[in-house]
Amino acid sequence: MKLMHAPNPVIGQHWVNLLNVAGIACELHNRYLTGALGEIPAEQCAPELWLVDERDERLARKIIEAATHGPEPGATPWRCAHCGEWLEAQFTECWQCGATRDLGTG
């Protein structure tokens, strides 16, 4: 199921990575067609994000929306459960030890 167009292949791949980490299977289509702009209509060249299972649509859109807008201004920093390092809200991995933030606990 086609979920959405990505503004460019780099952002499209970033979204694929975010969804894969969340356990949502997806694919990026048209990643190499931007070079064909002019020969092929622009709307047919845009990178497209496709879900393997359409039941993941609601969660996938929520994840991409959150990634697009980032944390709210003044969002609370979080402490790494593994090493205790404090990190700003926009980070999902600890720069000190590489542990992934548990998004369920903040």
Protein backbone atom coordinates (compact mmCIF):
# COMPACT_ATOMS: atom_id res chain seq x y z
CA MET A 1 0.00 0.00 0.00
CA LYS A 2 1.39 3.40 -0.97
CA LEU A 3 1.67 5.51 2.18
CA MET A 4 3.03 8.81 0.82
CA HIS A 5 5.55 10.62 -1.34
CA ALA A 6 8.84 11.67 0.22
CA PRO A 7 10.29 15.09 -0.61
CA ASN A 8 13.57 13.46 -1.69
CA PRO A 9 15.31 10.05 -1.53
CA VAL A 10 17.36 10.91 1.57
CA ILE A 11 14.31 11.79 3.66
CA GLY A 12 12.44 8.84 2.19
CA GLN A 13 15.19 6.47 3.32
CA HIS A 14 15.23 8.13 6.74
CA TRP A 15 11.49 7.45 7.07
CA VAL A 16 12.03 3.82 6.00
CA ASN A 17 14.68 3.47 8.70
CA LEU A 18 12.40 4.98 11.36
CA LEU A 19 9.55 2.65 10.44
CA ASN A 20 11.80 -0.41 10.30
CA VAL A 21 13.09 0.35 13.82
CA ALA A 22 9.44 0.49 14.94
CA GLY A 23 8.85 -2.95 13.40
CA ILE A 24 6.89 -1.65 10.39
CA ALA A 25 7.91 -3.30 7.12
CA CYS A 26 8.09 -0.82 4.25
CA GLU A 27 9.88 -0.08 1.00
CA LEU A 28 11.08 3.04 -0.77
CA HIS A 29 10.10 3.07 -4.44
CA ASN A 30 11.34 5.44 -7.18
CA ARG A 31 14.51 6.27 -5.25
CA TYR A 32 16.56 6.58 -8.45
CA LEU A 33 14.06 8.28 -10.73
CA THR A 34 14.85 11.90 -9.81
CA GLY A 35 17.48 11.88 -12.57
CA ALA A 36 14.71 11.25 -15.08
CA LEU A 37 12.85 14.48 -14.30
CA GLY A 38 11.93 16.14 -17.55
CA GLU A 39 11.79 12.86 -19.43
CA ILE A 40 9.21 11.48 -17.00
CA PRO A 41 6.56 13.66 -15.30
CA ALA A 42 7.62 14.91 -11.84
CA GLU A 43 4.73 13.22 -10.02
CA GLN A 44 5.95 9.84 -11.35
CA CYS A 45 9.56 10.45 -10.26
CA ALA A 46 8.96 11.30 -6.60
CA PRO A 47 10.19 8.75 -4.05
CA GLU A 48 7.26 6.78 -2.58
CA LEU A 49 6.99 5.04 0.75
CA TRP A 50 5.06 1.75 0.54
CA LEU A 51 3.88 -0.34 3.50
CA VAL A 52 3.94 -4.11 3.33
CA ASP A 53 0.92 -4.35 5.65
CA GLU A 54 -1.78 -1.69 5.33
CA ARG A 55 -2.76 -2.26 8.98
CA ASP A 56 0.41 -0.34 9.91
CA GLU A 57 -0.77 2.86 8.20
CA ARG A 58 -1.99 4.75 11.27
CA LEU A 59 1.15 4.08 13.32
CA ALA A 60 3.43 4.76 10.33
CA ARG A 61 1.83 8.17 9.74
CA LYS A 62 2.15 9.00 13.45
CA ILE A 63 5.86 8.12 13.48
CA ILE A 64 6.61 10.12 10.35
CA GLU A 65 4.61 13.10 11.63
CA ALA A 66 6.59 13.06 14.88
CA ALA A 67 9.89 12.79 12.99
CA THR A 68 8.95 15.63 10.66
CA HIS A 69 8.10 18.09 13.42
CA GLY A 70 10.51 16.97 16.14
CA PRO A 71 9.90 17.45 19.86
CA GLU A 72 7.76 20.26 21.21
CA PRO A 73 9.64 23.39 22.29
CA GLY A 74 10.78 22.94 25.87
CA ALA A 75 10.48 19.13 25.71
CA THR A 76 12.08 17.38 28.66
CA PRO A 77 15.56 15.93 28.26
CA TRP A 78 15.88 12.19 28.91
CA ARG A 79 18.36 10.08 30.82
CA CYS A 80 19.93 7.02 29.24
CA ALA A 81 18.85 3.92 31.15
CA HIS A 82 22.13 2.22 30.25
CA CYS A 83 24.85 4.77 31.15
CA GLY A 84 22.94 7.60 32.89
CA GLU A 85 23.89 10.31 30.36
CA TRP A 86 21.40 13.20 29.95
CA LEU A 87 20.32 13.92 26.35
CA GLU A 88 18.10 16.49 24.67
CA ALA A 89 14.57 15.41 23.72
CA GLN A 90 15.18 15.21 19.96
CA PHE A 91 17.76 12.43 20.29
CA THR A 92 16.64 8.78 20.21
CA GLU A 93 20.10 7.27 20.81
CA CYS A 94 22.60 7.99 23.53
CA TRP A 95 25.73 9.63 22.11
CA GLN A 96 27.77 8.21 25.00
CA CYS A 97 26.96 4.48 24.79
CA GLY A 98 24.70 4.08 21.73
CA ALA A 99 21.73 2.73 23.67
CA THR A 100 18.32 3.40 22.12
CA ARG A 101 15.85 5.55 24.03
CA ASP A 102 12.79 3.76 25.36
CA LEU A 103 10.16 5.98 23.75
CA GLY A 104 7.44 4.50 25.96
CA THR A 105 8.92 6.00 29.11
CA GLY A 106 10.33 9.28 27.77
